[in-house]
Amino acid sequence: MAQVKIPSVKRIRNRSGAFMKDCRGATAVEFALVATPFLALLVAILQTFLVFFAQELLEGVVQQSSRQILTGQTQSQQATQAAFHQTVCNQVSVLFTCSKIFVDVRVATSWSTADTSALVPTYDSQGNVNNMQFNPGNAGDIVVVRVMYLWPVLLGPLGFNLSNQPNNMRLILATAAFQNEPSS
């Protein structure tokens, strides 16, 4: 049987004392401890900024595009949903993918029945959205315009997650509700 040599207590103290006094790697260790939460916070801030920026951009575009319905231009040109979709898309194509923009325009019978909530897209067997409508109404009608976009979000570090839809997507919604101008 081999004999195991046990170091003396004094020798262990000398080795541990020398290890504790050695500061050559302290900066790297401290940086590693601070860098991880710092980078996680930086990613979370950047992702939150992008979502809020996209939301504000979409809000502005919906207000501008809805003005065409409000003033009767869309109705007089007999524009289709695809044409109105393209109008919205032309204004946000730098930041958004047009295929992920959903436009829903409906007439409400009264202000109390105007639905401004998020409309979750449903798909048919070919992958096309099938629950969006386009009815710009007539003069004097109450119209609700909803434009939705599925924004991809990254799973953030340390559990930070902005997604509110499946597949790490966030549904961004911009709504305009107005009464069409009377015809002249």
Protein backbone atom coordinates (compact mmCIF):
# COMPACT_ATOMS: atom_id res chain seq x y z
CA MET A 1 0.00 0.00 0.00
CA ALA A 2 1.32 3.40 -1.02
CA GLN A 3 1.88 5.95 1.65
CA VAL A 4 0.05 9.27 1.23
CA LYS A 5 2.04 12.26 2.29
CA ILE A 6 -0.13 14.82 4.07
CA PRO A 7 1.20 18.38 3.92
CA SER A 8 1.65 20.11 7.21
CA VAL A 9 -0.71 22.85 8.37
CA LYS A 10 2.09 25.39 8.20
CA ARG A 11 2.82 24.51 4.59
CA ILE A 12 -0.90 24.82 3.65
CA ARG A 13 -1.07 28.25 5.31
CA ASN A 14 1.99 29.44 3.40
CA ARG A 15 0.53 28.31 0.07
CA SER A 16 -2.91 29.80 0.70
CA GLY A 17 -1.39 33.06 1.96
CA ALA A 18 0.73 33.36 -1.17
CA PHE A 19 -2.35 32.68 -3.32
CA MET A 20 -4.40 35.31 -1.51
CA LYS A 21 -1.65 37.94 -1.83
CA ASP A 22 -1.22 37.36 -5.58
CA CYS A 23 -3.18 40.09 -7.41
CA ARG A 24 -2.10 39.40 -10.99
CA GLY A 25 -5.53 38.08 -12.12
CA ALA A 26 -7.75 40.18 -9.87
CA THR A 27 -8.65 42.71 -12.55
CA ALA A 28 -9.70 40.02 -14.99
CA VAL A 29 -11.82 38.30 -12.36
CA GLU A 30 -13.45 41.57 -11.29
CA PHE A 31 -14.18 42.47 -14.92
CA ALA A 32 -15.75 39.06 -15.54
CA LEU A 33 -18.00 39.52 -12.52
CA VAL A 34 -19.12 43.02 -13.59
CA ALA A 35 -19.18 42.55 -17.38
CA THR A 36 -21.92 39.91 -17.49
CA PRO A 37 -24.65 41.94 -15.76
CA PHE A 38 -23.50 45.09 -17.55
CA LEU A 39 -23.79 43.48 -20.99
CA ALA A 40 -27.14 41.93 -20.06
CA LEU A 41 -28.43 45.35 -19.04
CA LEU A 42 -27.07 46.89 -22.23
CA VAL A 43 -28.85 44.29 -24.41
CA ALA A 44 -32.10 44.79 -22.47
CA ILE A 45 -31.93 48.57 -22.89
CA LEU A 46 -31.18 48.32 -26.60
CA GLN A 47 -34.00 45.84 -27.23
CA THR A 48 -36.49 47.93 -25.25
CA PHE A 49 -35.45 51.04 -27.19
CA LEU A 50 -36.00 49.29 -30.53
CA VAL A 51 -39.48 48.05 -29.55
CA PHE A 52 -40.58 51.49 -28.32
CA PHE A 53 -39.07 53.22 -31.36
CA ALA A 54 -40.88 50.82 -33.70
CA GLN A 55 -44.13 51.39 -31.77
CA GLU A 56 -43.85 55.17 -32.10
CA LEU A 57 -42.97 54.95 -35.79
CA LEU A 58 -46.00 52.76 -36.43
CA GLU A 59 -48.26 55.14 -34.49
CA GLY A 60 -47.15 58.08 -36.63
CA VAL A 61 -47.61 56.17 -39.87
CA VAL A 62 -51.12 55.04 -38.88
CA GLN A 63 -52.12 58.62 -38.11
CA GLN A 64 -50.81 59.81 -41.49
CA SER A 65 -52.28 56.93 -43.49
CA SER A 66 -55.66 57.11 -41.75
CA ARG A 67 -55.98 60.69 -42.86
CA GLN A 68 -56.59 59.40 -46.41
CA ILE A 69 -59.65 57.51 -45.16
CA LEU A 70 -60.78 60.39 -42.94
CA THR A 71 -60.76 62.85 -45.84
CA GLY A 72 -62.41 60.42 -48.28
CA GLN A 73 -59.44 60.00 -50.62
CA THR A 74 -59.36 56.23 -50.15
CA GLN A 75 -63.09 55.92 -50.85
CA SER A 76 -63.01 58.18 -53.93
CA GLN A 77 -60.08 56.22 -55.38
CA GLN A 78 -61.84 52.95 -54.50
CA ALA A 79 -58.58 51.77 -52.92
CA THR A 80 -58.36 48.15 -51.82
CA GLN A 81 -56.86 46.70 -48.67
CA ALA A 82 -53.71 45.88 -50.63
CA ALA A 83 -53.38 49.50 -51.78
CA PHE A 84 -53.84 50.85 -48.25
CA HIS A 85 -51.40 48.20 -46.95
CA GLN A 86 -48.87 49.42 -49.51
CA THR A 87 -49.41 53.03 -48.40
CA VAL A 88 -48.55 52.02 -44.83
CA CYS A 89 -45.68 49.84 -45.96
CA ASN A 90 -44.07 52.58 -48.06
CA GLN A 91 -43.69 54.74 -44.96
CA VAL A 92 -42.15 52.09 -42.70
CA SER A 93 -40.21 49.86 -45.10
CA VAL A 94 -36.87 50.91 -43.61
CA LEU A 95 -37.55 49.30 -40.24
CA PHE A 96 -40.39 46.85 -40.92
CA THR A 97 -40.87 43.83 -43.17
CA CYS A 98 -44.02 44.45 -45.23
CA SER A 99 -45.20 40.84 -45.05
CA LYS A 100 -45.50 41.12 -41.24
CA ILE A 101 -47.71 44.22 -41.35
CA PHE A 102 -51.44 43.57 -40.90
CA VAL A 103 -54.04 46.22 -41.69
CA ASP A 104 -57.59 46.06 -40.36
CA VAL A 105 -60.12 48.83 -41.14
CA ARG A 106 -63.67 48.53 -39.80
CA VAL A 107 -66.74 50.69 -39.43
CA ALA A 108 -68.24 50.96 -35.94
CA THR A 109 -71.92 51.64 -35.36
CA SER A 110 -71.17 53.97 -32.42
CA TRP A 111 -68.24 55.21 -30.36
CA SER A 112 -69.12 52.81 -27.56
CA THR A 113 -68.90 49.80 -29.87
CA ALA A 114 -65.63 50.85 -31.56
CA ASP A 115 -63.17 48.00 -30.91
CA THR A 116 -59.62 49.29 -30.56
CA SER A 117 -58.12 46.18 -28.96
CA ALA A 118 -55.38 44.11 -30.53
CA LEU A 119 -56.63 41.75 -33.19
CA VAL A 120 -54.54 38.60 -33.16
CA PRO A 121 -53.98 37.38 -36.71
CA THR A 122 -55.36 33.96 -37.61
CA TYR A 123 -54.07 32.03 -40.60
CA ASP A 124 -55.61 29.76 -43.19
CA SER A 125 -54.02 26.51 -44.44
CA GLN A 126 -51.85 28.41 -46.97
CA GLY A 127 -50.45 30.70 -44.26
CA ASN A 128 -52.47 33.77 -45.27
CA VAL A 129 -54.08 35.98 -42.63
CA ASN A 130 -57.84 35.51 -42.84
CA ASN A 131 -59.39 37.73 -40.17
CA MET A 132 -58.43 41.21 -41.39
CA GLN A 133 -61.12 43.43 -42.91
CA PHE A 134 -61.06 46.57 -45.00
CA ASN A 135 -64.11 48.80 -44.85
CA PRO A 136 -63.19 52.51 -44.98
CA GLY A 137 -66.87 53.47 -44.65
CA ASN A 138 -68.71 56.45 -46.03
CA ALA A 139 -68.98 60.09 -45.03
CA GLY A 140 -69.92 60.42 -41.36
CA ASP A 141 -69.06 56.80 -40.44
CA ILE A 142 -66.98 55.98 -37.38
CA VAL A 143 -63.91 54.09 -38.56
CA VAL A 144 -61.29 52.18 -36.59
CA VAL A 145 -57.94 51.57 -38.29
CA ARG A 146 -55.65 49.02 -36.65
CA VAL A 147 -52.21 48.25 -37.97
CA MET A 148 -50.34 45.40 -36.36
CA TYR A 149 -46.80 44.18 -36.77
CA LEU A 150 -45.10 41.06 -35.45
CA TRP A 151 -41.74 42.33 -34.20
CA PRO A 152 -39.08 39.66 -33.58
CA VAL A 153 -37.44 39.90 -30.16
CA LEU A 154 -34.33 38.24 -28.91
CA LEU A 155 -34.50 36.30 -25.71
CA GLY A 156 -32.65 38.58 -23.40
CA PRO A 157 -30.01 37.56 -20.96
CA LEU A 158 -30.98 36.91 -17.38
CA GLY A 159 -34.58 36.13 -18.37
CA PHE A 160 -35.43 39.51 -19.93
CA ASN A 161 -38.07 38.88 -22.60
CA LEU A 162 -40.36 41.36 -24.37
CA SER A 163 -42.31 38.84 -26.43
CA ASN A 164 -46.09 38.69 -26.05
CA GLN A 165 -46.76 36.27 -28.93
CA PRO A 166 -45.53 32.76 -29.73
CA ASN A 167 -42.18 32.24 -31.45
CA ASN A 168 -40.46 35.15 -29.68
CA MET A 169 -42.56 37.81 -31.39
CA ARG A 170 -44.07 40.98 -29.99
CA LEU A 171 -47.33 42.25 -31.42
CA ILE A 172 -47.04 45.99 -31.95
CA LEU A 173 -50.38 47.72 -32.45
CA ALA A 174 -51.20 51.22 -33.64
CA THR A 175 -54.83 52.36 -33.71
CA ALA A 176 -56.69 55.36 -35.05
CA ALA A 177 -60.41 55.90 -34.43
CA PHE A 178 -62.18 58.78 -36.14
CA GLN A 179 -65.37 59.89 -37.82
CA ASN A 180 -65.08 60.35 -41.57
CA GLU A 181 -65.52 63.90 -42.79
CA PRO A 182 -68.84 64.72 -44.42
CA SER A 183 -68.76 64.81 -48.20
CA SER A 184 -68.78 68.24 -49.75
